C-alpha atoms as a PDB file:
ATOM      1  CA  MET A   1      90.391  20.625  38.929  1.00  0.00           C
ATOM      2  CA  GLY A   2      88.741  18.336  41.861  1.00  0.00           C
ATOM      3  CA  ALA A   3      87.735  15.671  39.571  1.00  0.00           C
ATOM      4  CA  ALA A   4      91.657  15.310  37.895  1.00  0.00           C
ATOM      5  CA  VAL A   5      92.483  15.183  41.884  1.00  0.00           C
ATOM      6  CA  LEU A   6      90.254  12.239  42.926  1.00  0.00           C
ATOM      7  CA  ALA A   7      91.196  10.005  40.122  1.00  0.00           C
ATOM      8  CA  ALA A   8      94.299   9.478  40.806  1.00  0.00           C
ATOM      9  CA  SER A   9      93.997   9.114  44.461  1.00  0.00           C
ATOM     10  CA  PHE A  10      92.084   5.987  44.253  1.00  0.00           C
ATOM     11  CA  MET A  11      95.231   4.755  43.573  1.00  0.00           C
ATOM     12  CA  LEU A  12      97.144   5.633  47.045  1.00  0.00           C
ATOM     13  CA  ALA A  13      94.612   3.330  49.522  1.00  0.00           C
ATOM     14  CA  GLY A  14      93.449   0.654  47.290  1.00  0.00           C
ATOM     15  CA  SER A  15      95.855  -2.121  48.013  1.00  0.00           C
ATOM     16  CA  VAL A  16      94.072  -2.847  51.122  1.00  0.00           C
ATOM     17  CA  PRO A  17      90.265  -3.117  51.605  1.00  0.00           C
ATOM     18  CA  ALA A  18      88.617  -0.184  53.109  1.00  0.00           C
ATOM     19  CA  SER A  19      86.866  -2.315  55.880  1.00  0.00           C
ATOM     20  CA  ALA A  20      89.658  -4.317  57.389  1.00  0.00           C
ATOM     21  CA  ARG A  21      90.566   0.002  58.359  1.00  0.00           C
ATOM     22  CA  THR A  22      88.535   2.688  60.118  1.00  0.00           C
ATOM     23  CA  PRO A  23      87.219   4.934  57.216  1.00  0.00           C
ATOM     24  CA  ALA A  24      88.710   8.421  56.865  1.00  0.00           C
ATOM     25  CA  THR A  25      87.718  11.214  58.835  1.00  0.00           C
ATOM     26  CA  MET A  26      87.994  15.006  58.203  1.00  0.00           C
ATOM     27  CA  ARG A  27      90.158  16.269  61.542  1.00  0.00           C
ATOM     28  CA  VAL A  28      90.211  19.971  59.974  1.00  0.00           C
ATOM     29  CA  GLU A  29      89.367  21.809  57.052  1.00  0.00           C
ATOM     30  CA  TYR A  30      90.454  25.227  56.179  1.00  0.00           C
ATOM     31  CA  THR A  31      88.130  27.605  53.096  1.00  0.00           C
ATOM     32  CA  PHE A  32      88.975  30.803  54.322  1.00  0.00           C
ATOM     33  CA  ASN A  33      85.585  31.324  53.134  1.00  0.00           C
ATOM     34  CA  SER A  34      85.304  33.846  55.932  1.00  0.00           C
ATOM     35  CA  ILE A  35      88.160  35.291  58.033  1.00  0.00           C
ATOM     36  CA  THR A  36      87.049  37.199  61.140  1.00  0.00           C
ATOM     37  CA  ASP A  37      89.412  39.066  63.036  1.00  0.00           C
ATOM     38  CA  GLY A  38      91.869  37.113  62.130  1.00  0.00           C
ATOM     39  CA  PHE A  39      90.198  33.690  62.907  1.00  0.00           C
ATOM     40  CA  VAL A  40      89.308  31.092  60.506  1.00  0.00           C
ATOM     41  CA  GLU A  41      86.266  28.588  60.513  1.00  0.00           C
ATOM     42  CA  ASP A  42      87.471  24.189  61.275  1.00  0.00           C
ATOM     43  CA  ALA A  43      84.812  23.748  58.416  1.00  0.00           C
ATOM     44  CA  SER A  44      85.262  19.824  59.551  1.00  0.00           C
ATOM     45  CA  GLY A  45      83.273  20.444  62.401  1.00  0.00           C
ATOM     46  CA  ARG A  46      85.952  19.574  65.269  1.00  0.00           C
ATOM     47  CA  GLY A  47      86.086  22.916  66.558  1.00  0.00           C
ATOM     48  CA  HIS A  48      89.820  23.369  66.072  1.00  0.00           C
ATOM     49  CA  PRO A  49      89.708  26.917  64.773  1.00  0.00           C
ATOM     50  CA  LEU A  50      93.126  28.653  62.363  1.00  0.00           C
ATOM     51  CA  THR A  51      94.372  31.879  63.653  1.00  0.00           C
ATOM     52  CA  LEU A  52      96.175  34.065  61.521  1.00  0.00           C
ATOM     53  CA  SER A  53      99.055  36.260  62.203  1.00  0.00           C
ATOM     54  CA  GLY A  54     101.545  38.845  60.506  1.00  0.00           C
ATOM     55  CA  ASN A  55     101.505  40.084  57.135  1.00  0.00           C
ATOM     56  CA  TYR A  56      98.643  37.783  55.962  1.00  0.00           C
ATOM     57  CA  ALA A  57      96.117  39.379  53.204  1.00  0.00           C
ATOM     58  CA  ALA A  58      92.842  37.727  52.132  1.00  0.00           C
ATOM     59  CA  THR A  59      92.869  37.501  48.055  1.00  0.00           C
ATOM     60  CA  ASP A  60      90.599  35.848  45.433  1.00  0.00           C
ATOM     61  CA  GLY A  61      91.331  32.107  45.370  1.00  0.00           C
ATOM     62  CA  VAL A  62      89.930  29.347  42.606  1.00  0.00           C
ATOM     63  CA  ALA A  63      86.549  29.679  43.107  1.00  0.00           C
ATOM     64  CA  SER A  64      86.344  31.425  46.942  1.00  0.00           C
ATOM     65  CA  PRO A  65      88.576  33.501  48.998  1.00  0.00           C
ATOM     66  CA  ALA A  66      92.066  33.068  49.763  1.00  0.00           C
ATOM     67  CA  VAL A  67      95.064  33.699  52.067  1.00  0.00           C
ATOM     68  CA  ALA A  68      97.821  35.680  50.805  1.00  0.00           C
ATOM     69  CA  PHE A  69     101.185  35.064  52.762  1.00  0.00           C
ATOM     70  CA  ALA A  70     104.334  37.538  52.752  1.00  0.00           C
ATOM     71  CA  PRO A  71     107.206  37.615  55.553  1.00  0.00           C
ATOM     72  CA  VAL A  72     106.654  37.597  58.132  1.00  0.00           C
ATOM     73  CA  SER A  73     103.089  35.637  58.590  1.00  0.00           C
ATOM     74  CA  ARG A  74     101.886  32.308  58.906  1.00  0.00           C
ATOM     75  CA  ALA A  75      98.652  30.410  60.781  1.00  0.00           C
ATOM     76  CA  SER A  76      98.741  28.296  63.129  1.00  0.00           C
ATOM     77  CA  THR A  77      96.220  26.224  65.902  1.00  0.00           C
ATOM     78  CA  PRO A  78      96.836  25.618  69.553  1.00  0.00           C
ATOM     79  CA  HIS A  79      98.453  21.494  70.090  1.00  0.00           C
ATOM     80  CA  VAL A  80      95.419  19.113  70.321  1.00  0.00           C
ATOM     81  CA  ALA A  81      96.148  15.566  69.903  1.00  0.00           C
ATOM     82  CA  ASP A  82      93.339  15.063  67.357  1.00  0.00           C
ATOM     83  CA  LEU A  83      95.822  16.270  64.910  1.00  0.00           C
ATOM     84  CA  ASN A  84      98.682  13.771  65.553  1.00  0.00           C
ATOM     85  CA  PRO A  85      97.988  10.551  63.125  1.00  0.00           C
ATOM     86  CA  VAL A  86     100.199   8.737  65.210  1.00  0.00           C
ATOM     87  CA  ASP A  87      99.868   5.239  63.862  1.00  0.00           C
ATOM     88  CA  LYS A  88      97.485   5.502  61.400  1.00  0.00           C
ATOM     89  CA  GLU A  89      96.739   6.207  57.169  1.00  0.00           C
ATOM     90  CA  PHE A  90      96.866   9.897  57.137  1.00  0.00           C
ATOM     91  CA  ALA A  91      96.570  13.040  54.271  1.00  0.00           C
ATOM     92  CA  GLY A  92      97.504  16.504  55.007  1.00  0.00           C
ATOM     93  CA  THR A  93      96.404  18.324  51.335  1.00  0.00           C
ATOM     94  CA  VAL A  94      97.357  22.149  50.729  1.00  0.00           C
ATOM     95  CA  VAL A  95      96.059  24.515  47.264  1.00  0.00           C
ATOM     96  CA  PHE A  96      97.950  27.203  46.897  1.00  0.00           C
ATOM     97  CA  ARG A  97      99.920  29.194  43.916  1.00  0.00           C
ATOM     98  CA  ILE A  98     103.151  31.008  43.827  1.00  0.00           C
ATOM     99  CA  ALA A  99     103.725  33.772  41.584  1.00  0.00           C
ATOM    100  CA  ASP A 100     107.476  34.260  41.885  1.00  0.00           C
ATOM    101  CA  ASP A 101     110.362  32.025  40.842  1.00  0.00           C
ATOM    102  CA  THR A 102     112.054  30.350  43.975  1.00  0.00           C
ATOM    103  CA  SER A 103     114.711  29.010  42.270  1.00  0.00           C
ATOM    104  CA  ALA A 104     117.159  31.889  44.232  1.00  0.00           C
ATOM    105  CA  LEU A 105     115.761  30.838  47.266  1.00  0.00           C
ATOM    106  CA  THR A 106     118.238  29.267  50.108  1.00  0.00           C
ATOM    107  CA  ASP A 107     115.536  27.841  52.400  1.00  0.00           C
ATOM    108  CA  THR A 108     112.665  25.761  51.967  1.00  0.00           C
ATOM    109  CA  PRO A 109     109.441  27.422  52.631  1.00  0.00           C
ATOM    110  CA  ASN A 110     106.913  26.319  54.494  1.00  0.00           C
ATOM    111  CA  LEU A 111     103.333  25.412  53.509  1.00  0.00           C
ATOM    112  CA  ALA A 112     101.919  23.120  56.273  1.00  0.00           C
ATOM    113  CA  GLN A 113     104.075  21.470  59.210  1.00  0.00           C
ATOM    114  CA  LYS A 114     103.029  19.785  62.481  1.00  0.00           C
ATOM    115  CA  GLY A 115     106.045  19.074  64.502  1.00  0.00           C
ATOM    116  CA  PHE A 116     109.717  20.511  63.912  1.00  0.00           C
ATOM    117  CA  PHE A 117     112.754  18.948  62.379  1.00  0.00           C
ATOM    118  CA  SER A 118     114.432  17.845  65.506  1.00  0.00           C
ATOM    119  CA  ASP A 119     110.777  16.506  67.253  1.00  0.00           C
ATOM    120  CA  PRO A 120     110.344  13.299  67.644  1.00  0.00           C
ATOM    121  CA  GLY A 121     107.141  12.524  65.322  1.00  0.00           C
ATOM    122  CA  GLN A 122     106.879  15.395  62.272  1.00  0.00           C
ATOM    123  CA  TRP A 123     104.897  15.101  58.872  1.00  0.00           C
ATOM    124  CA  LYS A 124     105.766  18.688  56.770  1.00  0.00           C
ATOM    125  CA  MET A 125     104.793  19.932  53.424  1.00  0.00           C
ATOM    126  CA  GLN A 126     107.753  22.291  52.112  1.00  0.00           C
ATOM    127  CA  LEU A 127     108.776  23.652  48.192  1.00  0.00           C
ATOM    128  CA  LYS A 128     112.575  22.130  46.723  1.00  0.00           C
ATOM    129  CA  PRO A 129     113.054  25.703  45.567  1.00  0.00           C
ATOM    130  CA  ASP A 130     115.474  25.396  43.367  1.00  0.00           C
ATOM    131  CA  ILE A 131     113.436  23.052  40.636  1.00  0.00           C
ATOM    132  CA  ALA A 132     110.067  24.475  42.475  1.00  0.00           C
ATOM    133  CA  ALA A 133     108.604  20.686  43.656  1.00  0.00           C
ATOM    134  CA  VAL A 134     106.788  19.862  46.636  1.00  0.00           C
ATOM    135  CA  GLN A 135     108.238  17.923  49.110  1.00  0.00           C
ATOM    136  CA  CYS A 136     106.807  15.852  52.015  1.00  0.00           C
ATOM    137  CA  ARG A 137     108.289  14.996  55.543  1.00  0.00           C
ATOM    138  CA  PHE A 138     107.647  12.209  57.679  1.00  0.00           C
ATOM    139  CA  LYS A 139     109.049  11.464  60.712  1.00  0.00           C
ATOM    140  CA  GLY A 140     108.353   8.938  63.752  1.00  0.00           C
ATOM    141  CA  THR A 141     109.726   6.727  66.227  1.00  0.00           C
ATOM    142  CA  LEU A 142     111.357   4.480  63.525  1.00  0.00           C
ATOM    143  CA  GLY A 143     112.797   6.753  61.398  1.00  0.00           C
ATOM    144  CA  ALA A 144     112.021   9.610  58.582  1.00  0.00           C
ATOM    145  CA  GLU A 145     111.479   9.600  54.957  1.00  0.00           C
ATOM    146  CA  LEU A 146     111.067  12.942  52.819  1.00  0.00           C
ATOM    147  CA  VAL A 147     109.793  12.336  49.513  1.00  0.00           C
ATOM    148  CA  THR A 148     109.748  14.726  46.070  1.00  0.00           C
ATOM    149  CA  SER A 149     107.387  15.213  43.870  1.00  0.00           C
ATOM    150  CA  SER A 150     107.415  14.637  39.945  1.00  0.00           C
ATOM    151  CA  VAL A 151     105.842  17.761  39.080  1.00  0.00           C
ATOM    152  CA  THR A 152     108.103  20.276  39.126  1.00  0.00           C
ATOM    153  CA  GLY A 153     107.746  24.635  38.475  1.00  0.00           C
ATOM    154  CA  VAL A 154     104.655  25.082  40.480  1.00  0.00           C
ATOM    155  CA  ASP A 155     106.084  28.764  41.131  1.00  0.00           C
ATOM    156  CA  ASP A 156     104.070  29.602  37.261  1.00  0.00           C
ATOM    157  CA  ALA A 157     101.510  31.463  39.110  1.00  0.00           C
ATOM    158  CA  ALA A 158      99.020  29.007  38.314  1.00  0.00           C
ATOM    159  CA  TRP A 159      97.109  27.188  41.420  1.00  0.00           C
ATOM    160  CA  HIS A 160      98.466  23.463  42.053  1.00  0.00           C
ATOM    161  CA  THR A 161      96.911  21.092  44.502  1.00  0.00           C
ATOM    162  CA  ALA A 162      98.905  18.468  46.927  1.00  0.00           C
ATOM    163  CA  THR A 163      98.870  15.874  49.332  1.00  0.00           C
ATOM    164  CA  CYS A 164     100.982  14.764  51.904  1.00  0.00           C
ATOM    165  CA  TRP A 165     100.176  11.139  52.784  1.00  0.00           C
ATOM    166  CA  ARG A 166     100.997   7.544  54.312  1.00  0.00           C
ATOM    167  CA  SER A 167      98.751   4.560  53.591  1.00  0.00           C
ATOM    168  CA  LYS A 168     100.099   1.200  55.053  1.00  0.00           C
ATOM    169  CA  THR A 169     103.848   0.503  54.560  1.00  0.00           C
ATOM    170  CA  GLN A 170     104.002   3.823  52.016  1.00  0.00           C
ATOM    171  CA  VAL A 171     104.661   7.673  52.093  1.00  0.00           C
ATOM    172  CA  GLY A 172     104.324   9.519  49.439  1.00  0.00           C
ATOM    173  CA  VAL A 173     103.458  12.655  47.573  1.00  0.00           C
ATOM    174  CA  THR A 174     100.659  14.123  45.179  1.00  0.00           C
ATOM    175  CA  VAL A 175     101.135  16.734  42.801  1.00  0.00           C
ATOM    176  CA  ASP A 176      98.226  17.574  40.660  1.00  0.00           C
ATOM    177  CA  GLY A 177      97.221  13.975  40.401  1.00  0.00           C
ATOM    178  CA  ALA A 178     100.706  13.207  40.023  1.00  0.00           C
ATOM    179  CA  ASP A 179     101.675  10.556  42.984  1.00  0.00           C
ATOM    180  CA  VAL A 180     105.262   9.644  43.867  1.00  0.00           C
ATOM    181  CA  ALA A 181     105.422   6.907  46.964  1.00  0.00           C
ATOM    182  CA  VAL A 182     107.950   4.524  48.195  1.00  0.00           C
ATOM    183  CA  THR A 183     107.910   1.994  50.619  1.00  0.00           C
ATOM    184  CA  ALA A 184     109.108   3.355  54.254  1.00  0.00           C
ATOM    185  CA  GLN A 185     107.553   2.071  58.092  1.00  0.00           C
ATOM    186  CA  VAL A 186     108.863   5.759  60.173  1.00  0.00           C
ATOM    187  CA  GLY A 187     106.722   4.465  63.398  1.00  0.00           C
ATOM    188  CA  ASP A 188     104.033   6.764  65.362  1.00  0.00           C
ATOM    189  CA  ILE A 189     103.514  10.397  64.571  1.00  0.00           C
ATOM    190  CA  ALA A 190     103.203  12.909  66.868  1.00  0.00           C
ATOM    191  CA  ASN A 191     103.951  15.757  68.829  1.00  0.00           C
ATOM    192  CA  ALA A 192     103.457  18.635  70.866  1.00  0.00           C
ATOM    193  CA  ARG A 193     103.404  21.356  68.522  1.00  0.00           C
ATOM    194  CA  PRO A 194     100.642  22.987  66.963  1.00  0.00           C
ATOM    195  CA  LEU A 195      99.354  22.859  63.293  1.00  0.00           C
ATOM    196  CA  LEU A 196     101.642  25.144  60.781  1.00  0.00           C
ATOM    197  CA  ILE A 197     100.517  26.618  57.829  1.00  0.00           C
ATOM    198  CA  GLY A 198     102.793  29.622  55.864  1.00  0.00           C
ATOM    199  CA  ALA A 199     105.856  29.737  58.452  1.00  0.00           C
ATOM    200  CA  LYS A 200     106.810  28.326  61.000  1.00  0.00           C
ATOM    201  CA  SER A 201     107.976  31.141  62.926  1.00  0.00           C
ATOM    202  CA  LEU A 202     106.619  35.128  63.558  1.00  0.00           C
ATOM    203  CA  THR A 203     110.223  36.127  64.444  1.00  0.00           C
ATOM    204  CA  SER A 204     112.441  34.738  61.422  1.00  0.00           C
ATOM    205  CA  SER A 205     111.482  35.028  57.279  1.00  0.00           C
ATOM    206  CA  THR A 206     113.271  31.684  57.301  1.00  0.00           C
ATOM    207  CA  ASP A 207     111.477  29.154  55.417  1.00  0.00           C
ATOM    208  CA  GLN A 208     108.641  31.326  55.156  1.00  0.00           C
ATOM    209  CA  PHE A 209     105.667  31.060  52.382  1.00  0.00           C
ATOM    210  CA  THR A 210     105.399  33.402  49.819  1.00  0.00           C
ATOM    211  CA  GLY A 211     101.990  33.026  48.218  1.00  0.00           C
ATOM    212  CA  GLU A 212      98.178  32.331  47.712  1.00  0.00           C
ATOM    213  CA  ILE A 213      96.530  29.245  50.035  1.00  0.00           C
ATOM    214  CA  ASP A 214      93.208  28.891  48.994  1.00  0.00           C
ATOM    215  CA  TYR A 215      92.594  25.654  51.061  1.00  0.00           C
ATOM    216  CA  VAL A 216      94.667  22.855  53.644  1.00  0.00           C
ATOM    217  CA  SER A 217      92.501  19.349  55.507  1.00  0.00           C
ATOM    218  CA  MET A 218      94.026  16.972  56.780  1.00  0.00           C
ATOM    219  CA  ALA A 219      92.604  13.194  56.919  1.00  0.00           C
ATOM    220  CA  VAL A 220      92.882  10.352  59.237  1.00  0.00           C
ATOM    221  CA  GLY A 221      91.890   6.770  58.357  1.00  0.00           C
ATOM    222  CA  SER A 222      91.559   4.546  55.901  1.00  0.00           C
ATOM    223  CA  ARG A 223      91.670   5.913  52.482  1.00  0.00           C
ATOM    224  CA  ALA A 224      92.711   9.379  54.027  1.00  0.00           C
ATOM    225  CA  ALA A 225      93.919  10.636  50.487  1.00  0.00           C
ATOM    226  CA  VAL A 226      90.375  10.855  49.167  1.00  0.00           C
ATOM    227  CA  ARG A 227      88.905  12.148  52.012  1.00  0.00           C
ATOM    228  CA  SER A 228      91.499  15.230  52.450  1.00  0.00           C
ATOM    229  CA  ARG A 229      90.758  16.371  48.984  1.00  0.00           C
ATOM    230  CA  LEU A 230      86.754  15.337  48.489  1.00  0.00           C
ATOM    231  CA  ALA A 231      85.672  19.229  49.023  1.00  0.00           C
ATOM    232  CA  LEU A 232      87.661  19.914  45.828  1.00  0.00           C
ATOM    233  CA  SER A 233      86.014  17.727  43.461  1.00  0.00           C
ATOM    234  CA  GLY A 234      82.742  19.933  44.288  1.00  0.00           C
ATOM    235  CA  SER A 235      80.240  17.049  45.515  1.00  0.00           C
END
């Protein structure tokens, strides 16, 4: 899985010399390999632990433990400015599995997000349930853009890797190595919200992701899309 994802991702940031930008660093990385009293260690080393709440359960992932989310449950970090990409290139990656048909859902289940729809800045990965596709929303000081993956039918009980990314003048989504990109300048992306995984609320089942998540990361800087998926290559 990892090698195929990385092979496609070199296209995303290749148009601008890496030497002209700050090399990407991992801002958070959650493997879910160790869960202690609902806390998940941040493998990036930057000290942003994740807290699991609600009706979650440990389960088997691709090759290591994962977390199953059910109504109502989510994972969250405290708000830290370190997780706001502001004007920089960035990428957020999630490895997930959905076993149940999503076509009848009337909301958009949230895999990962920092910021809400009405906030001045937001990046978000969600499902478009009628076709079981991944969508990425980017909102900043210059506007908002919603990008939908070309890969559909991800509610097939198989593991999928999705990345929301921004690289210079483009924003996009990559699912299982297939890229969709649009030219858009959304401006600075920043907010005072926590990073949320699985759902936006513990008081409502609206936008609840019902499935399993094995990996979450966010990278900021040059070639962020590659960096955010590097651990999946096994290197």
